[in-house]
PDB file of all heavy atoms in Angstrom:
ATOM      1  N   LYS A   1       4.248  -9.991  -7.424  1.00  0.00           N
ATOM      2  CA  LYS A   1       2.891 -10.010  -7.971  1.00  0.00           C
ATOM      3  C   LYS A   1       2.402  -8.572  -8.125  1.00  0.00           C
ATOM      4  O   LYS A   1       2.384  -7.809  -7.161  1.00  0.00           O
ATOM      5  CB  LYS A   1       1.958 -10.808  -7.063  1.00  0.00           C
ATOM      6  CG  LYS A   1       2.293 -12.297  -7.017  1.00  0.00           C
ATOM      7  CD  LYS A   1       1.272 -13.068  -6.208  1.00  0.00           C
ATOM      8  CE  LYS A   1       1.583 -14.561  -6.202  1.00  0.00           C
ATOM      9  NZ  LYS A   1       1.411 -15.177  -7.535  1.00  0.00           N
ATOM     10  N   PHE A   2       2.017  -8.228  -9.362  1.00  0.00           N
ATOM     11  CA  PHE A   2       1.450  -6.917  -9.649  1.00  0.00           C
ATOM     12  C   PHE A   2      -0.068  -7.009  -9.500  1.00  0.00           C
ATOM     13  O   PHE A   2      -0.733  -7.710 -10.258  1.00  0.00           O
ATOM     14  CB  PHE A   2       1.821  -6.489 -11.071  1.00  0.00           C
ATOM     15  CG  PHE A   2       3.288  -6.254 -11.269  1.00  0.00           C
ATOM     16  CD1 PHE A   2       4.112  -7.272 -11.740  1.00  0.00           C
ATOM     17  CD2 PHE A   2       3.848  -5.016 -10.978  1.00  0.00           C
ATOM     18  CE1 PHE A   2       5.467  -7.070 -11.933  1.00  0.00           C
ATOM     19  CE2 PHE A   2       5.211  -4.800 -11.167  1.00  0.00           C
ATOM     20  CZ  PHE A   2       6.023  -5.817 -11.650  1.00  0.00           C
ATOM     21  N   LEU A   3      -0.600  -6.301  -8.506  1.00  0.00           N
ATOM     22  CA  LEU A   3      -2.028  -6.405  -8.187  1.00  0.00           C
ATOM     23  C   LEU A   3      -2.873  -5.340  -8.866  1.00  0.00           C
ATOM     24  O   LEU A   3      -4.098  -5.422  -8.857  1.00  0.00           O
ATOM     25  CB  LEU A   3      -2.227  -6.330  -6.674  1.00  0.00           C
ATOM     26  CG  LEU A   3      -1.460  -7.367  -5.841  1.00  0.00           C
ATOM     27  CD1 LEU A   3      -1.773  -7.187  -4.362  1.00  0.00           C
ATOM     28  CD2 LEU A   3      -1.767  -8.779  -6.296  1.00  0.00           C
ATOM     29  N   GLY A   4      -2.238  -4.327  -9.430  1.00  0.00           N
ATOM     30  CA  GLY A   4      -2.986  -3.262 -10.069  1.00  0.00           C
ATOM     31  C   GLY A   4      -3.658  -2.347  -9.059  1.00  0.00           C
ATOM     32  O   GLY A   4      -3.410  -2.409  -7.857  1.00  0.00           O
ATOM     33  N   SER A   5      -4.549  -1.501  -9.560  1.00  0.00           N
ATOM     34  CA  SER A   5      -5.265  -0.558  -8.697  1.00  0.00           C
ATOM     35  C   SER A   5      -6.337  -1.288  -7.899  1.00  0.00           C
ATOM     36  O   SER A   5      -7.098  -2.080  -8.452  1.00  0.00           O
ATOM     37  CB  SER A   5      -5.900   0.537  -9.553  1.00  0.00           C
ATOM     38  OG  SER A   5      -6.587   1.463  -8.741  1.00  0.00           O
ATOM     39  N   LEU A   6      -6.402  -1.012  -6.612  1.00  0.00           N
ATOM     40  CA  LEU A   6      -7.369  -1.663  -5.734  1.00  0.00           C
ATOM     41  C   LEU A   6      -8.259  -0.629  -5.058  1.00  0.00           C
ATOM     42  O   LEU A   6      -7.788   0.462  -4.710  1.00  0.00           O
ATOM     43  CB  LEU A   6      -6.642  -2.475  -4.642  1.00  0.00           C
ATOM     44  CG  LEU A   6      -5.745  -3.614  -5.109  1.00  0.00           C
ATOM     45  CD1 LEU A   6      -5.037  -4.237  -3.907  1.00  0.00           C
ATOM     46  CD2 LEU A   6      -6.539  -4.669  -5.846  1.00  0.00           C
ATOM     47  N   PRO A   7      -9.545  -0.933  -4.847  1.00  0.00           N
ATOM     48  CA  PRO A   7     -10.408  -0.051  -4.055  1.00  0.00           C
ATOM     49  C   PRO A   7      -9.873   0.079  -2.639  1.00  0.00           C
ATOM     50  O   PRO A   7      -9.127  -0.792  -2.152  1.00  0.00           O
ATOM     51  CB  PRO A   7     -11.761  -0.777  -4.072  1.00  0.00           C
ATOM     52  CG  PRO A   7     -11.692  -1.730  -5.214  1.00  0.00           C
ATOM     53  CD  PRO A   7     -10.255  -2.125  -5.343  1.00  0.00           C
ATOM     54  N   GLN A   8     -10.241   1.174  -1.986  1.00  0.00           N
ATOM     55  CA  GLN A   8      -9.738   1.439  -0.638  1.00  0.00           C
ATOM     56  C   GLN A   8     -10.048   0.301   0.332  1.00  0.00           C
ATOM     57  O   GLN A   8      -9.213  -0.060   1.163  1.00  0.00           O
ATOM     58  CB  GLN A   8     -10.328   2.746  -0.110  1.00  0.00           C
ATOM     59  CG  GLN A   8      -9.616   3.988  -0.611  1.00  0.00           C
ATOM     60  CD  GLN A   8      -8.263   4.193   0.050  1.00  0.00           C
ATOM     61  OE1 GLN A   8      -8.165   4.364   1.261  1.00  0.00           O
ATOM     62  NE2 GLN A   8      -7.211   4.188  -0.746  1.00  0.00           N
ATOM     63  N   ASP A   9     -11.228  -0.285   0.235  1.00  0.00           N
ATOM     64  CA  ASP A   9     -11.573  -1.361   1.160  1.00  0.00           C
ATOM     65  C   ASP A   9     -10.672  -2.576   0.961  1.00  0.00           C
ATOM     66  O   ASP A   9     -10.224  -3.202   1.926  1.00  0.00           O
ATOM     67  CB  ASP A   9     -13.041  -1.753   0.999  1.00  0.00           C
ATOM     68  CG  ASP A   9     -13.985  -0.709   1.584  1.00  0.00           C
ATOM     69  OD1 ASP A   9     -13.519   0.108   2.394  1.00  0.00           O
ATOM     70  OD2 ASP A   9     -15.178  -0.711   1.216  1.00  0.00           O
ATOM     71  N   GLU A  10     -10.391  -2.935  -0.293  1.00  0.00           N
ATOM     72  CA  GLU A  10      -9.497  -4.060  -0.561  1.00  0.00           C
ATOM     73  C   GLU A  10      -8.079  -3.746  -0.117  1.00  0.00           C
ATOM     74  O   GLU A  10      -7.357  -4.613   0.400  1.00  0.00           O
ATOM     75  CB  GLU A  10      -9.515  -4.413  -2.047  1.00  0.00           C
ATOM     76  CG  GLU A  10     -10.806  -5.056  -2.514  1.00  0.00           C
ATOM     77  CD  GLU A  10     -10.713  -5.523  -3.959  1.00  0.00           C
ATOM     78  OE1 GLU A  10      -9.587  -5.855  -4.399  1.00  0.00           O
ATOM     79  OE2 GLU A  10     -11.753  -5.553  -4.642  1.00  0.00           O
ATOM     80  N   LEU A  11      -7.660  -2.514  -0.307  1.00  0.00           N
ATOM     81  CA  LEU A  11      -6.331  -2.113   0.110  1.00  0.00           C
ATOM     82  C   LEU A  11      -6.196  -2.174   1.624  1.00  0.00           C
ATOM     83  O   LEU A  11      -5.148  -2.568   2.155  1.00  0.00           O
ATOM     84  CB  LEU A  11      -6.045  -0.693  -0.387  1.00  0.00           C
ATOM     85  CG  LEU A  11      -4.612  -0.206  -0.308  1.00  0.00           C
ATOM     86  CD1 LEU A  11      -3.667  -1.122  -1.063  1.00  0.00           C
ATOM     87  CD2 LEU A  11      -4.512   1.222  -0.826  1.00  0.00           C
ATOM     88  N   ALA A  12      -7.256  -1.805   2.327  1.00  0.00           N
ATOM     89  CA  ALA A  12      -7.236  -1.874   3.789  1.00  0.00           C
ATOM     90  C   ALA A  12      -7.063  -3.317   4.259  1.00  0.00           C
ATOM     91  O   ALA A  12      -6.290  -3.599   5.174  1.00  0.00           O
ATOM     92  CB  ALA A  12      -8.518  -1.279   4.357  1.00  0.00           C
ATOM     93  N   VAL A  13      -7.780  -4.238   3.626  1.00  0.00           N
ATOM     94  CA  VAL A  13      -7.650  -5.655   3.975  1.00  0.00           C
ATOM     95  C   VAL A  13      -6.240  -6.145   3.688  1.00  0.00           C
ATOM     96  O   VAL A  13      -5.618  -6.848   4.502  1.00  0.00           O
ATOM     97  CB  VAL A  13      -8.678  -6.496   3.199  1.00  0.00           C
ATOM     98  CG1 VAL A  13      -8.428  -7.985   3.408  1.00  0.00           C
ATOM     99  CG2 VAL A  13     -10.095  -6.127   3.634  1.00  0.00           C
ATOM    100  N   LEU A  14      -5.699  -5.764   2.541  1.00  0.00           N
ATOM    101  CA  LEU A  14      -4.361  -6.205   2.153  1.00  0.00           C
ATOM    102  C   LEU A  14      -3.312  -5.712   3.142  1.00  0.00           C
ATOM    103  O   LEU A  14      -2.393  -6.458   3.515  1.00  0.00           O
ATOM    104  CB  LEU A  14      -4.044  -5.699   0.749  1.00  0.00           C
ATOM    105  CG  LEU A  14      -2.791  -6.268   0.076  1.00  0.00           C
ATOM    106  CD1 LEU A  14      -2.923  -7.772  -0.108  1.00  0.00           C
ATOM    107  CD2 LEU A  14      -2.560  -5.590  -1.268  1.00  0.00           C
ATOM    108  N   ASN A  15      -3.433  -4.478   3.579  1.00  0.00           N
ATOM    109  CA  ASN A  15      -2.513  -3.961   4.589  1.00  0.00           C
ATOM    110  C   ASN A  15      -2.548  -4.793   5.859  1.00  0.00           C
ATOM    111  O   ASN A  15      -1.515  -5.070   6.472  1.00  0.00           O
ATOM    112  CB  ASN A  15      -2.853  -2.501   4.917  1.00  0.00           C
ATOM    113  CG  ASN A  15      -2.092  -1.507   4.073  1.00  0.00           C
ATOM    114  OD1 ASN A  15      -0.961  -1.141   4.384  1.00  0.00           O
ATOM    115  ND2 ASN A  15      -2.718  -1.068   2.993  1.00  0.00           N
ATOM    116  N   GLY A  16      -3.754  -5.171   6.256  1.00  0.00           N
ATOM    117  CA  GLY A  16      -3.891  -5.944   7.483  1.00  0.00           C
ATOM    118  C   GLY A  16      -3.386  -7.363   7.378  1.00  0.00           C
ATOM    119  O   GLY A  16      -3.144  -8.011   8.402  1.00  0.00           O
ATOM    120  N   LEU A  17      -3.215  -7.884   6.161  1.00  0.00           N
ATOM    121  CA  LEU A  17      -2.820  -9.278   5.968  1.00  0.00           C
ATOM    122  C   LEU A  17      -1.333  -9.465   5.677  1.00  0.00           C
ATOM    123  O   LEU A  17      -0.795 -10.552   5.894  1.00  0.00           O
ATOM    124  CB  LEU A  17      -3.630  -9.893   4.824  1.00  0.00           C
ATOM    125  CG  LEU A  17      -5.131 -10.017   5.070  1.00  0.00           C
ATOM    126  CD1 LEU A  17      -5.836 -10.523   3.814  1.00  0.00           C
ATOM    127  CD2 LEU A  17      -5.414 -10.962   6.234  1.00  0.00           C
ATOM    128  N   CYS A  18      -0.676  -8.435   5.181  1.00  0.00           N
ATOM    129  CA  CYS A  18       0.748  -8.564   4.857  1.00  0.00           C
ATOM    130  C   CYS A  18       1.607  -8.459   6.115  1.00  0.00           C
ATOM    131  O   CYS A  18       1.126  -8.122   7.194  1.00  0.00           O
ATOM    132  CB  CYS A  18       1.137  -7.516   3.825  1.00  0.00           C
ATOM    133  SG  CYS A  18       0.471  -7.878   2.187  1.00  0.00           S
ATOM    134  N   ASP A  19       2.899  -8.740   5.957  1.00  0.00           N
ATOM    135  CA  ASP A  19       3.801  -8.797   7.112  1.00  0.00           C
ATOM    136  C   ASP A  19       4.640  -7.540   7.278  1.00  0.00           C
ATOM    137  O   ASP A  19       4.884  -7.110   8.406  1.00  0.00           O
ATOM    138  CB  ASP A  19       4.734 -10.010   6.978  1.00  0.00           C
ATOM    139  CG  ASP A  19       3.978 -11.316   6.970  1.00  0.00           C
ATOM    140  OD1 ASP A  19       3.445 -11.671   8.037  1.00  0.00           O
ATOM    141  OD2 ASP A  19       3.909 -11.971   5.919  1.00  0.00           O
ATOM    142  N   ILE A  20       5.102  -6.957   6.176  1.00  0.00           N
ATOM    143  CA  ILE A  20       6.015  -5.819   6.239  1.00  0.00           C
ATOM    144  C   ILE A  20       5.654  -4.840   5.135  1.00  0.00           C
ATOM    145  O   ILE A  20       5.415  -5.240   3.989  1.00  0.00           O
ATOM    146  CB  ILE A  20       7.486  -6.264   6.072  1.00  0.00           C
ATOM    147  CG1 ILE A  20       7.888  -7.284   7.138  1.00  0.00           C
ATOM    148  CG2 ILE A  20       8.434  -5.068   6.112  1.00  0.00           C
ATOM    149  CD1 ILE A  20       9.236  -7.946   6.874  1.00  0.00           C
ATOM    150  N   CYS A  21       5.631  -3.563   5.464  1.00  0.00           N
ATOM    151  CA  CYS A  21       5.440  -2.511   4.466  1.00  0.00           C
ATOM    152  C   CYS A  21       6.813  -2.030   4.006  1.00  0.00           C
ATOM    153  O   CYS A  21       7.670  -1.692   4.836  1.00  0.00           O
ATOM    154  CB  CYS A  21       4.644  -1.356   5.064  1.00  0.00           C
ATOM    155  SG  CYS A  21       4.601   0.132   4.024  1.00  0.00           S
ATOM    156  N   VAL A  22       7.034  -2.002   2.683  1.00  0.00           N
ATOM    157  CA  VAL A  22       8.282  -1.481   2.131  1.00  0.00           C
ATOM    158  C   VAL A  22       7.944  -0.257   1.284  1.00  0.00           C
ATOM    159  O   VAL A  22       6.941  -0.234   0.575  1.00  0.00           O
ATOM    160  CB  VAL A  22       9.027  -2.550   1.301  1.00  0.00           C
ATOM    161  CG1 VAL A  22       9.568  -3.645   2.204  1.00  0.00           C
ATOM    162  CG2 VAL A  22       8.134  -3.162   0.226  1.00  0.00           C
ATOM    163  N   PHE A  23       8.814   0.758   1.354  1.00  0.00           N
ATOM    164  CA  PHE A  23       8.486   2.041   0.727  1.00  0.00           C
ATOM    165  C   PHE A  23       9.749   2.699   0.211  1.00  0.00           C
ATOM    166  O   PHE A  23      10.781   2.716   0.892  1.00  0.00           O
ATOM    167  CB  PHE A  23       7.810   2.957   1.752  1.00  0.00           C
ATOM    168  CG  PHE A  23       7.383   4.286   1.193  1.00  0.00           C
ATOM    169  CD1 PHE A  23       6.236   4.393   0.424  1.00  0.00           C
ATOM    170  CD2 PHE A  23       8.120   5.427   1.456  1.00  0.00           C
ATOM    171  CE1 PHE A  23       5.835   5.619  -0.090  1.00  0.00           C
ATOM    172  CE2 PHE A  23       7.724   6.652   0.949  1.00  0.00           C
ATOM    173  CZ  PHE A  23       6.579   6.754   0.176  1.00  0.00           C
ATOM    174  N   ALA A  24       9.667   3.262  -1.012  1.00  0.00           N
ATOM    175  CA  ALA A  24      10.846   3.888  -1.617  1.00  0.00           C
ATOM    176  C   ALA A  24      10.546   5.248  -2.227  1.00  0.00           C
ATOM    177  O   ALA A  24      11.397   5.809  -2.911  1.00  0.00           O
ATOM    178  CB  ALA A  24      11.428   2.964  -2.693  1.00  0.00           C
ATOM    179  N   GLY A  25       9.361   5.811  -1.987  1.00  0.00           N
ATOM    180  CA  GLY A  25       9.018   7.107  -2.575  1.00  0.00           C
ATOM    181  C   GLY A  25       9.909   8.216  -2.053  1.00  0.00           C
ATOM    182  O   GLY A  25      10.310   8.212  -0.885  1.00  0.00           O
ATOM    183  N   ASN A  26      10.221   9.185  -2.915  1.00  0.00           N
ATOM    184  CA  ASN A  26      11.044  10.315  -2.482  1.00  0.00           C
ATOM    185  C   ASN A  26      10.482  11.659  -2.934  1.00  0.00           C
ATOM    186  O   ASN A  26      11.202  12.648  -2.972  1.00  0.00           O
ATOM    187  CB  ASN A  26      12.485  10.157  -2.995  1.00  0.00           C
ATOM    188  CG  ASN A  26      12.593  10.330  -4.505  1.00  0.00           C
ATOM    189  OD1 ASN A  26      11.613  10.121  -5.229  1.00  0.00           O
ATOM    190  ND2 ASN A  26      13.766  10.695  -4.978  1.00  0.00           N
ATOM    191  N   ASN A  27       9.197  11.692  -3.246  1.00  0.00           N
ATOM    192  CA  ASN A  27       8.559  12.946  -3.651  1.00  0.00           C
ATOM    193  C   ASN A  27       7.212  13.042  -2.944  1.00  0.00           C
ATOM    194  O   ASN A  27       6.160  13.010  -3.561  1.00  0.00           O
ATOM    195  CB  ASN A  27       8.398  12.992  -5.171  1.00  0.00           C
ATOM    196  CG  ASN A  27       7.876  14.326  -5.659  1.00  0.00           C
ATOM    197  OD1 ASN A  27       7.969  15.330  -4.956  1.00  0.00           O
ATOM    198  ND2 ASN A  27       7.312  14.350  -6.860  1.00  0.00           N
ATOM    199  N   GLU A  28       7.270  13.141  -1.629  1.00  0.00           N
ATOM    200  CA  GLU A  28       6.073  13.050  -0.807  1.00  0.00           C
ATOM    201  C   GLU A  28       6.020  14.225   0.165  1.00  0.00           C
ATOM    202  O   GLU A  28       7.039  14.823   0.505  1.00  0.00           O
ATOM    203  CB  GLU A  28       6.088  11.750   0.016  1.00  0.00           C
ATOM    204  CG  GLU A  28       6.361  10.497  -0.793  1.00  0.00           C
ATOM    205  CD  GLU A  28       5.152   9.994  -1.555  1.00  0.00           C
ATOM    206  OE1 GLU A  28       4.035  10.393  -1.186  1.00  0.00           O
ATOM    207  OE2 GLU A  28       5.329   9.217  -2.502  1.00  0.00           O
ATOM    208  N   GLY A  29       4.814  14.526   0.619  1.00  0.00           N
ATOM    209  CA  GLY A  29       4.658  15.447   1.731  1.00  0.00           C
ATOM    210  C   GLY A  29       4.651  14.658   3.029  1.00  0.00           C
ATOM    211  O   GLY A  29       5.493  14.819   3.903  1.00  0.00           O
ATOM    212  N   LEU A  30       3.687  13.756   3.140  1.00  0.00           N
ATOM    213  CA  LEU A  30       3.594  12.803   4.244  1.00  0.00           C
ATOM    214  C   LEU A  30       2.941  11.558   3.657  1.00  0.00           C
ATOM    215  O   LEU A  30       1.754  11.580   3.351  1.00  0.00           O
ATOM    216  CB  LEU A  30       2.765  13.361   5.407  1.00  0.00           C
ATOM    217  CG  LEU A  30       2.845  12.572   6.713  1.00  0.00           C
ATOM    218  CD1 LEU A  30       4.157  12.867   7.445  1.00  0.00           C
ATOM    219  CD2 LEU A  30       1.668  12.900   7.617  1.00  0.00           C
ATOM    220  N   PRO A  31       3.691  10.476   3.466  1.00  0.00           N
ATOM    221  CA  PRO A  31       3.163   9.327   2.708  1.00  0.00           C
ATOM    222  C   PRO A  31       1.958   8.681   3.373  1.00  0.00           C
ATOM    223  O   PRO A  31       2.058   8.111   4.471  1.00  0.00           O
ATOM    224  CB  PRO A  31       4.361   8.363   2.664  1.00  0.00           C
ATOM    225  CG  PRO A  31       5.561   9.220   2.895  1.00  0.00           C
ATOM    226  CD  PRO A  31       5.109  10.299   3.834  1.00  0.00           C
ATOM    227  N   ASN A  32       0.808   8.740   2.713  1.00  0.00           N
ATOM    228  CA  ASN A  32      -0.403   8.126   3.254  1.00  0.00           C
ATOM    229  C   ASN A  32      -0.253   6.628   3.436  1.00  0.00           C
ATOM    230  O   ASN A  32      -0.804   6.043   4.377  1.00  0.00           O
ATOM    231  CB  ASN A  32      -1.591   8.405   2.328  1.00  0.00           C
ATOM    232  CG  ASN A  32      -2.010   9.858   2.332  1.00  0.00           C
ATOM    233  OD1 ASN A  32      -1.789  10.576   3.295  1.00  0.00           O
ATOM    234  ND2 ASN A  32      -2.612  10.295   1.240  1.00  0.00           N
TER     235      ASN A  32
END
């Protein structure tokens, strides 16, 4: 599901509701 851009408050809720964070970025300083 492509959710598009979300406000910070909605993103915070989404983080708290999901089960696992997956990440593949390779051009970062420290991934927020």
